[in-house]
Amino acid sequence: MGLNDIPVFIARTPQEFHDLLLATRPDPATGRPDPARVGPFMSTHPEVAGAVALVSGRTITSGFADDTYLSLDTFRLLGMNGVSAPVRWAMVPVTPPRAAPSGTGPDYLFEDLIAALHQAPLQWRLVITTGEPSDPTSDPTRAWPASRRRIDAGTLTLDRAESEDNGPCTGITYDPTVLPAGITASDDPILPARSAAYMRSFTLRSGERKPASAITPAMVATGGPS
């Protein structure tokens, strides 16, 4: 799964996302987006403006361990009778909110996660939300109503972390359109765009020399930086 800790995606289509990136690119003089570009774009793309407001207003948790992760895009579950239902899903933490990590370095969130796993396993509930006919399936900028039916589909338990160095994920890429039997992609145009972009990125990265990971096997084994 490729899950995000934002409530909605910030563009409806690949072209809109492309245009948003251009409108918000940093100004070389200030290092920040130019309001003269951002303002007109947002005024002509109210759905993007609304999605950005939802993302900006979300609750920021203490770290990875107590955060919620969402699919954002809509998929379809296929029934034995051939009927399909639109679904979105989330990984909801079992861990109650914690105090903020004490670290301040560039990798402190990863260090905090490793330290937490050395204390006890971390768990998330897989919660599947089923959509109604009125719910948008092709627009990931729009959240579904909180009243929709939710299915508790299982528990994800993490009991250890691994370094990227010689780890099992180095030689693979995520593709949201590669799905198991019983699940298909919806009409959300962001899904095929993500598939194409991730494969292009994987191809380019495969030709690069990868530096050593900042999170080393020794850090993972001992529970923190040495």
C-alpha atoms as a PDB file:
ATOM      1  CA  MET A   1       0.000   0.000   0.000  1.00  0.00           C
ATOM      2  CA  GLY A   2       1.045   3.579  -0.585  1.00  0.00           C
ATOM      3  CA  LEU A   3      -0.600   5.582   2.208  1.00  0.00           C
ATOM      4  CA  ASN A   4      -0.348   9.252   3.147  1.00  0.00           C
ATOM      5  CA  ASP A   5      -0.966  11.168   6.371  1.00  0.00           C
ATOM      6  CA  ILE A   6      -3.049  13.875   4.703  1.00  0.00           C
ATOM      7  CA  PRO A   7      -6.875  13.760   4.545  1.00  0.00           C
ATOM      8  CA  VAL A   8      -7.180  14.366   0.784  1.00  0.00           C
ATOM      9  CA  PHE A   9      -4.967  14.755  -2.264  1.00  0.00           C
ATOM     10  CA  ILE A  10      -4.353  18.323  -3.428  1.00  0.00           C
ATOM     11  CA  ALA A  11      -5.295  18.004  -7.114  1.00  0.00           C
ATOM     12  CA  ARG A  12      -8.046  16.322  -9.094  1.00  0.00           C
ATOM     13  CA  THR A  13      -6.065  15.404 -12.224  1.00  0.00           C
ATOM     14  CA  PRO A  14      -2.424  14.956 -13.282  1.00  0.00           C
ATOM     15  CA  GLN A  15      -2.570  18.192 -15.296  1.00  0.00           C
ATOM     16  CA  GLU A  16      -3.930  20.120 -12.327  1.00  0.00           C
ATOM     17  CA  PHE A  17      -1.167  18.736 -10.101  1.00  0.00           C
ATOM     18  CA  HIS A  18       1.431  19.718 -12.718  1.00  0.00           C
ATOM     19  CA  ASP A  19       0.027  23.246 -12.890  1.00  0.00           C
ATOM     20  CA  LEU A  20      -0.056  23.474  -9.090  1.00  0.00           C
ATOM     21  CA  LEU A  21       3.629  22.574  -8.878  1.00  0.00           C
ATOM     22  CA  LEU A  22       4.465  25.291 -11.378  1.00  0.00           C
ATOM     23  CA  ALA A  23       2.343  27.870  -9.558  1.00  0.00           C
ATOM     24  CA  THR A  24       3.928  27.079  -6.181  1.00  0.00           C
ATOM     25  CA  ARG A  25       7.534  26.657  -7.280  1.00  0.00           C
ATOM     26  CA  PRO A  26       9.932  28.686  -5.124  1.00  0.00           C
ATOM     27  CA  ASP A  27      10.916  32.145  -6.268  1.00  0.00           C
ATOM     28  CA  PRO A  28      14.748  32.227  -6.615  1.00  0.00           C
ATOM     29  CA  ALA A  29      14.838  35.625  -4.887  1.00  0.00           C
ATOM     30  CA  THR A  30      12.962  34.541  -1.750  1.00  0.00           C
ATOM     31  CA  GLY A  31      13.047  30.742  -1.724  1.00  0.00           C
ATOM     32  CA  ARG A  32       9.261  30.794  -1.225  1.00  0.00           C
ATOM     33  CA  PRO A  33       6.278  30.543  -3.607  1.00  0.00           C
ATOM     34  CA  ASP A  34       5.384  33.800  -5.325  1.00  0.00           C
ATOM     35  CA  PRO A  35       1.930  35.046  -4.162  1.00  0.00           C
ATOM     36  CA  ALA A  36       1.473  36.653  -7.576  1.00  0.00           C
ATOM     37  CA  ARG A  37       1.391  33.163  -9.096  1.00  0.00           C
ATOM     38  CA  VAL A  38      -0.226  31.234  -6.248  1.00  0.00           C
ATOM     39  CA  GLY A  39      -3.161  33.608  -5.710  1.00  0.00           C
ATOM     40  CA  PRO A  40      -4.521  33.558  -9.283  1.00  0.00           C
ATOM     41  CA  PHE A  41      -4.090  29.779  -9.489  1.00  0.00           C
ATOM     42  CA  MET A  42      -6.027  29.141  -6.295  1.00  0.00           C
ATOM     43  CA  SER A  43      -8.795  31.549  -7.303  1.00  0.00           C
ATOM     44  CA  THR A  44      -9.350  29.624 -10.533  1.00  0.00           C
ATOM     45  CA  HIS A  45      -9.005  26.203  -8.876  1.00  0.00           C
ATOM     46  CA  PRO A  46     -11.299  26.304  -5.821  1.00  0.00           C
ATOM     47  CA  GLU A  47     -11.176  22.516  -5.380  1.00  0.00           C
ATOM     48  CA  VAL A  48      -7.390  22.702  -4.972  1.00  0.00           C
ATOM     49  CA  ALA A  49      -7.709  25.624  -2.559  1.00  0.00           C
ATOM     50  CA  GLY A  50     -10.197  23.662  -0.474  1.00  0.00           C
ATOM     51  CA  ALA A  51      -7.994  20.571  -0.424  1.00  0.00           C
ATOM     52  CA  VAL A  52      -4.932  22.592   0.580  1.00  0.00           C
ATOM     53  CA  ALA A  53      -6.946  24.104   3.443  1.00  0.00           C
ATOM     54  CA  LEU A  54      -7.895  20.624   4.681  1.00  0.00           C
ATOM     55  CA  VAL A  55      -4.286  19.469   4.498  1.00  0.00           C
ATOM     56  CA  SER A  56      -3.012  22.587   6.272  1.00  0.00           C
ATOM     57  CA  GLY A  57      -5.606  22.225   9.038  1.00  0.00           C
ATOM     58  CA  ARG A  58      -4.988  18.559   9.835  1.00  0.00           C
ATOM     59  CA  THR A  59      -3.782  17.442  13.252  1.00  0.00           C
ATOM     60  CA  ILE A  60      -0.035  16.855  13.386  1.00  0.00           C
ATOM     61  CA  THR A  61       0.822  13.907  15.630  1.00  0.00           C
ATOM     62  CA  SER A  62       3.992  13.345  17.634  1.00  0.00           C
ATOM     63  CA  GLY A  63       5.555  11.066  15.033  1.00  0.00           C
ATOM     64  CA  PHE A  64       5.107   8.025  12.816  1.00  0.00           C
ATOM     65  CA  ALA A  65       3.821   5.697  15.533  1.00  0.00           C
ATOM     66  CA  ASP A  66       0.575   7.519  16.348  1.00  0.00           C
ATOM     67  CA  ASP A  67      -0.258   8.874  12.900  1.00  0.00           C
ATOM     68  CA  THR A  68      -3.138   7.836  10.619  1.00  0.00           C
ATOM     69  CA  TYR A  69      -2.372   6.909   7.011  1.00  0.00           C
ATOM     70  CA  LEU A  70      -4.956   7.036   4.207  1.00  0.00           C
ATOM     71  CA  SER A  71      -5.284   5.678   0.673  1.00  0.00           C
ATOM     72  CA  LEU A  72      -6.614   9.045  -0.655  1.00  0.00           C
ATOM     73  CA  ASP A  73      -7.528   7.449  -3.998  1.00  0.00           C
ATOM     74  CA  THR A  74     -10.662   5.351  -4.455  1.00  0.00           C
ATOM     75  CA  PHE A  75     -10.517   1.660  -5.336  1.00  0.00           C
ATOM     76  CA  ARG A  76     -13.269  -0.884  -5.949  1.00  0.00           C
ATOM     77  CA  LEU A  77     -13.887  -4.154  -4.112  1.00  0.00           C
ATOM     78  CA  LEU A  78     -15.394  -6.913  -6.255  1.00  0.00           C
ATOM     79  CA  GLY A  79     -18.043  -9.178  -4.767  1.00  0.00           C
ATOM     80  CA  MET A  80     -18.588 -12.846  -5.589  1.00  0.00           C
ATOM     81  CA  ASN A  81     -21.684 -11.776  -7.541  1.00  0.00           C
ATOM     82  CA  GLY A  82     -19.648  -9.477  -9.778  1.00  0.00           C
ATOM     83  CA  VAL A  83     -20.953  -6.291  -8.147  1.00  0.00           C
ATOM     84  CA  SER A  84     -18.293  -3.811  -7.107  1.00  0.00           C
ATOM     85  CA  ALA A  85     -18.268  -1.193  -4.360  1.00  0.00           C
ATOM     86  CA  PRO A  86     -16.117   1.941  -4.107  1.00  0.00           C
ATOM     87  CA  VAL A  87     -13.799   1.961  -1.110  1.00  0.00           C
ATOM     88  CA  ARG A  88     -11.122   4.014   0.543  1.00  0.00           C
ATOM     89  CA  TRP A  89      -9.091   2.809   3.491  1.00  0.00           C
ATOM     90  CA  ALA A  90      -6.968   3.996   6.360  1.00  0.00           C
ATOM     91  CA  MET A  91      -4.463   2.648   8.853  1.00  0.00           C
ATOM     92  CA  VAL A  92      -5.639   3.998  12.224  1.00  0.00           C
ATOM     93  CA  PRO A  93      -3.131   3.778  15.099  1.00  0.00           C
ATOM     94  CA  VAL A  94      -3.900   1.656  18.135  1.00  0.00           C
ATOM     95  CA  THR A  95      -1.164   3.543  19.989  1.00  0.00           C
ATOM     96  CA  PRO A  96      -2.643   6.512  21.915  1.00  0.00           C
ATOM     97  CA  PRO A  97      -1.173   9.959  21.229  1.00  0.00           C
ATOM     98  CA  ARG A  98       2.322  10.254  22.628  1.00  0.00           C
ATOM     99  CA  ALA A  99       4.628  13.026  23.714  1.00  0.00           C
ATOM    100  CA  ALA A 100       6.595  14.612  20.898  1.00  0.00           C
ATOM    101  CA  PRO A 101       9.995  13.041  20.153  1.00  0.00           C
ATOM    102  CA  SER A 102      12.871  14.687  21.981  1.00  0.00           C
ATOM    103  CA  GLY A 103      15.293  14.586  19.038  1.00  0.00           C
ATOM    104  CA  THR A 104      16.041  17.555  16.817  1.00  0.00           C
ATOM    105  CA  GLY A 105      18.237  16.175  14.051  1.00  0.00           C
ATOM    106  CA  PRO A 106      17.175  15.501  10.463  1.00  0.00           C
ATOM    107  CA  ASP A 107      16.365  11.847  11.220  1.00  0.00           C
ATOM    108  CA  TYR A 108      14.751  12.197  14.645  1.00  0.00           C
ATOM    109  CA  LEU A 109      11.375  10.828  13.535  1.00  0.00           C
ATOM    110  CA  PHE A 110      13.015   7.633  12.283  1.00  0.00           C
ATOM    111  CA  GLU A 111      15.119   7.398  15.446  1.00  0.00           C
ATOM    112  CA  ASP A 112      11.978   7.805  17.564  1.00  0.00           C
ATOM    113  CA  LEU A 113      10.199   5.048  15.637  1.00  0.00           C
ATOM    114  CA  ILE A 114      13.135   2.666  16.110  1.00  0.00           C
ATOM    115  CA  ALA A 115      13.278   3.435  19.829  1.00  0.00           C
ATOM    116  CA  ALA A 116       9.516   2.845  20.164  1.00  0.00           C
ATOM    117  CA  LEU A 117       9.772  -0.527  18.421  1.00  0.00           C
ATOM    118  CA  HIS A 118      12.488  -1.570  20.859  1.00  0.00           C
ATOM    119  CA  GLN A 119       9.988  -0.948  23.664  1.00  0.00           C
ATOM    120  CA  ALA A 120       6.950  -2.720  22.182  1.00  0.00           C
ATOM    121  CA  PRO A 121       5.297  -3.579  18.843  1.00  0.00           C
ATOM    122  CA  LEU A 122       3.213  -0.855  17.163  1.00  0.00           C
ATOM    123  CA  GLN A 123      -0.236  -1.546  15.727  1.00  0.00           C
ATOM    124  CA  TRP A 124      -2.688   0.025  13.285  1.00  0.00           C
ATOM    125  CA  ARG A 125      -6.261  -1.002  12.457  1.00  0.00           C
ATOM    126  CA  LEU A 126      -7.093  -1.393   8.760  1.00  0.00           C
ATOM    127  CA  VAL A 127     -10.383   0.516   8.402  1.00  0.00           C
ATOM    128  CA  ILE A 128     -12.175   0.257   5.057  1.00  0.00           C
ATOM    129  CA  THR A 129     -14.779   2.912   4.226  1.00  0.00           C
ATOM    130  CA  THR A 130     -17.452   2.014   1.676  1.00  0.00           C
ATOM    131  CA  GLY A 131     -18.791   4.781  -0.521  1.00  0.00           C
ATOM    132  CA  GLU A 132     -22.345   5.589  -1.550  1.00  0.00           C
ATOM    133  CA  PRO A 133     -23.431   6.360  -5.153  1.00  0.00           C
ATOM    134  CA  SER A 134     -23.244  10.086  -4.390  1.00  0.00           C
ATOM    135  CA  ASP A 135     -19.614   9.913  -3.225  1.00  0.00           C
ATOM    136  CA  PRO A 136     -16.931  11.029  -5.700  1.00  0.00           C
ATOM    137  CA  THR A 137     -14.633   8.269  -6.956  1.00  0.00           C
ATOM    138  CA  SER A 138     -12.679  10.274  -9.534  1.00  0.00           C
ATOM    139  CA  ASP A 139     -11.874  13.285  -7.337  1.00  0.00           C
ATOM    140  CA  PRO A 140      -9.337  12.630  -4.544  1.00  0.00           C
ATOM    141  CA  THR A 141      -9.557  16.255  -3.352  1.00  0.00           C
ATOM    142  CA  ARG A 142     -12.991  15.557  -1.839  1.00  0.00           C
ATOM    143  CA  ALA A 143     -13.348  13.662   1.427  1.00  0.00           C
ATOM    144  CA  TRP A 144     -16.261  11.274   1.923  1.00  0.00           C
ATOM    145  CA  PRO A 145     -18.758  11.971   4.723  1.00  0.00           C
ATOM    146  CA  ALA A 146     -17.737  10.668   8.143  1.00  0.00           C
ATOM    147  CA  SER A 147     -21.099   8.866   8.367  1.00  0.00           C
ATOM    148  CA  ARG A 148     -20.147   6.270   5.730  1.00  0.00           C
ATOM    149  CA  ARG A 149     -19.981   2.609   6.750  1.00  0.00           C
ATOM    150  CA  ARG A 150     -16.586   1.563   8.089  1.00  0.00           C
ATOM    151  CA  ILE A 151     -15.295  -1.993   8.271  1.00  0.00           C
ATOM    152  CA  ASP A 152     -12.596  -3.042  10.733  1.00  0.00           C
ATOM    153  CA  ALA A 153     -10.673  -5.375   8.418  1.00  0.00           C
ATOM    154  CA  GLY A 154      -7.696  -6.376  10.541  1.00  0.00           C
ATOM    155  CA  THR A 155      -4.594  -5.273  12.389  1.00  0.00           C
ATOM    156  CA  LEU A 156      -1.126  -4.391  11.126  1.00  0.00           C
ATOM    157  CA  THR A 157       1.591  -5.099  13.701  1.00  0.00           C
ATOM    158  CA  LEU A 158       5.147  -3.781  13.345  1.00  0.00           C
ATOM    159  CA  ASP A 159       7.658  -5.410  15.641  1.00  0.00           C
ATOM    160  CA  ARG A 160      10.946  -4.300  14.081  1.00  0.00           C
ATOM    161  CA  ALA A 161      12.503  -1.899  11.599  1.00  0.00           C
ATOM    162  CA  GLU A 162      15.180  -2.464   8.966  1.00  0.00           C
ATOM    163  CA  SER A 163      17.768  -0.196   7.422  1.00  0.00           C
ATOM    164  CA  GLU A 164      17.548   0.527   3.711  1.00  0.00           C
ATOM    165  CA  ASP A 165      21.143  -0.727   3.437  1.00  0.00           C
ATOM    166  CA  ASN A 166      20.766  -4.227   2.000  1.00  0.00           C
ATOM    167  CA  GLY A 167      17.083  -4.092   2.922  1.00  0.00           C
ATOM    168  CA  PRO A 168      14.335  -5.928   0.999  1.00  0.00           C
ATOM    169  CA  CYS A 169      12.707  -2.750  -0.381  1.00  0.00           C
ATOM    170  CA  THR A 170      15.698  -1.354  -2.269  1.00  0.00           C
ATOM    171  CA  GLY A 171      15.013  -3.118  -5.555  1.00  0.00           C
ATOM    172  CA  ILE A 172      11.238  -2.693  -5.792  1.00  0.00           C
ATOM    173  CA  THR A 173       8.814   0.112  -6.531  1.00  0.00           C
ATOM    174  CA  TYR A 174       5.228   0.788  -5.489  1.00  0.00           C
ATOM    175  CA  ASP A 175       2.534   0.772  -8.183  1.00  0.00           C
ATOM    176  CA  PRO A 176      -1.052   1.527  -7.038  1.00  0.00           C
ATOM    177  CA  THR A 177      -2.496  -0.184 -10.111  1.00  0.00           C
ATOM    178  CA  VAL A 178      -0.909  -3.565  -9.319  1.00  0.00           C
ATOM    179  CA  LEU A 179      -3.675  -5.023  -7.185  1.00  0.00           C
ATOM    180  CA  PRO A 180      -4.642  -8.435  -5.794  1.00  0.00           C
ATOM    181  CA  ALA A 181      -7.642 -10.396  -6.981  1.00  0.00           C
ATOM    182  CA  GLY A 182     -10.875  -8.818  -5.798  1.00  0.00           C
ATOM    183  CA  ILE A 183      -9.643  -5.210  -5.934  1.00  0.00           C
ATOM    184  CA  THR A 184      -9.544  -2.957  -9.010  1.00  0.00           C
ATOM    185  CA  ALA A 185      -8.674   0.651  -9.659  1.00  0.00           C
ATOM    186  CA  SER A 186     -11.483   3.182  -9.837  1.00  0.00           C
ATOM    187  CA  ASP A 187     -11.895   5.966 -12.390  1.00  0.00           C
ATOM    188  CA  ASP A 188      -9.579   8.204 -10.340  1.00  0.00           C
ATOM    189  CA  PRO A 189      -7.132   9.678 -12.930  1.00  0.00           C
ATOM    190  CA  ILE A 190      -4.413  10.108 -10.306  1.00  0.00           C
ATOM    191  CA  LEU A 191      -3.931   6.316 -10.053  1.00  0.00           C
ATOM    192  CA  PRO A 192      -2.481   5.704 -13.556  1.00  0.00           C
ATOM    193  CA  ALA A 193      -0.462   8.917 -13.262  1.00  0.00           C
ATOM    194  CA  ARG A 194       1.114   7.698 -10.023  1.00  0.00           C
ATOM    195  CA  SER A 195       1.888   4.347 -11.654  1.00  0.00           C
ATOM    196  CA  ALA A 196       3.692   5.982 -14.570  1.00  0.00           C
ATOM    197  CA  ALA A 197       5.570   8.511 -12.421  1.00  0.00           C
ATOM    198  CA  TYR A 198       6.755   5.919  -9.900  1.00  0.00           C
ATOM    199  CA  MET A 199       8.008   3.593 -12.633  1.00  0.00           C
ATOM    200  CA  ARG A 200       9.896   6.449 -14.298  1.00  0.00           C
ATOM    201  CA  SER A 201      11.416   7.394 -10.951  1.00  0.00           C
ATOM    202  CA  PHE A 202      12.409   3.790 -10.259  1.00  0.00           C
ATOM    203  CA  THR A 203      14.086   3.516 -13.667  1.00  0.00           C
ATOM    204  CA  LEU A 204      16.102   6.681 -13.083  1.00  0.00           C
ATOM    205  CA  ARG A 205      17.074   5.713  -9.531  1.00  0.00           C
ATOM    206  CA  SER A 206      18.208   2.283 -10.698  1.00  0.00           C
ATOM    207  CA  GLY A 207      21.021   3.968 -12.613  1.00  0.00           C
ATOM    208  CA  GLU A 208      22.217   6.041  -9.677  1.00  0.00           C
ATOM    209  CA  ARG A 209      24.824   5.192  -7.083  1.00  0.00           C
ATOM    210  CA  LYS A 210      22.953   5.037  -3.801  1.00  0.00           C
ATOM    211  CA  PRO A 211      24.700   6.563  -0.773  1.00  0.00           C
ATOM    212  CA  ALA A 212      24.671   4.793   2.561  1.00  0.00           C
ATOM    213  CA  SER A 213      21.404   5.173   4.454  1.00  0.00           C
ATOM    214  CA  ALA A 214      21.277   7.659   7.325  1.00  0.00           C
ATOM    215  CA  ILE A 215      19.488   4.945   9.302  1.00  0.00           C
ATOM    216  CA  THR A 216      22.164   2.276   9.576  1.00  0.00           C
ATOM    217  CA  PRO A 217      21.755  -1.398  10.519  1.00  0.00           C
ATOM    218  CA  ALA A 218      23.606  -0.650  13.772  1.00  0.00           C
ATOM    219  CA  MET A 219      21.057   2.033  14.716  1.00  0.00           C
ATOM    220  CA  VAL A 220      18.209  -0.360  14.065  1.00  0.00           C
ATOM    221  CA  ALA A 221      19.857  -3.086  16.126  1.00  0.00           C
ATOM    222  CA  THR A 222      20.645  -0.898  19.138  1.00  0.00           C
ATOM    223  CA  GLY A 223      17.498   1.225  19.159  1.00  0.00           C
ATOM    224  CA  GLY A 224      19.002   4.578  18.252  1.00  0.00           C
ATOM    225  CA  PRO A 225      22.052   6.500  17.074  1.00  0.00           C
ATOM    226  CA  SER A 226      25.357   5.302  18.470  1.00  0.00           C
END
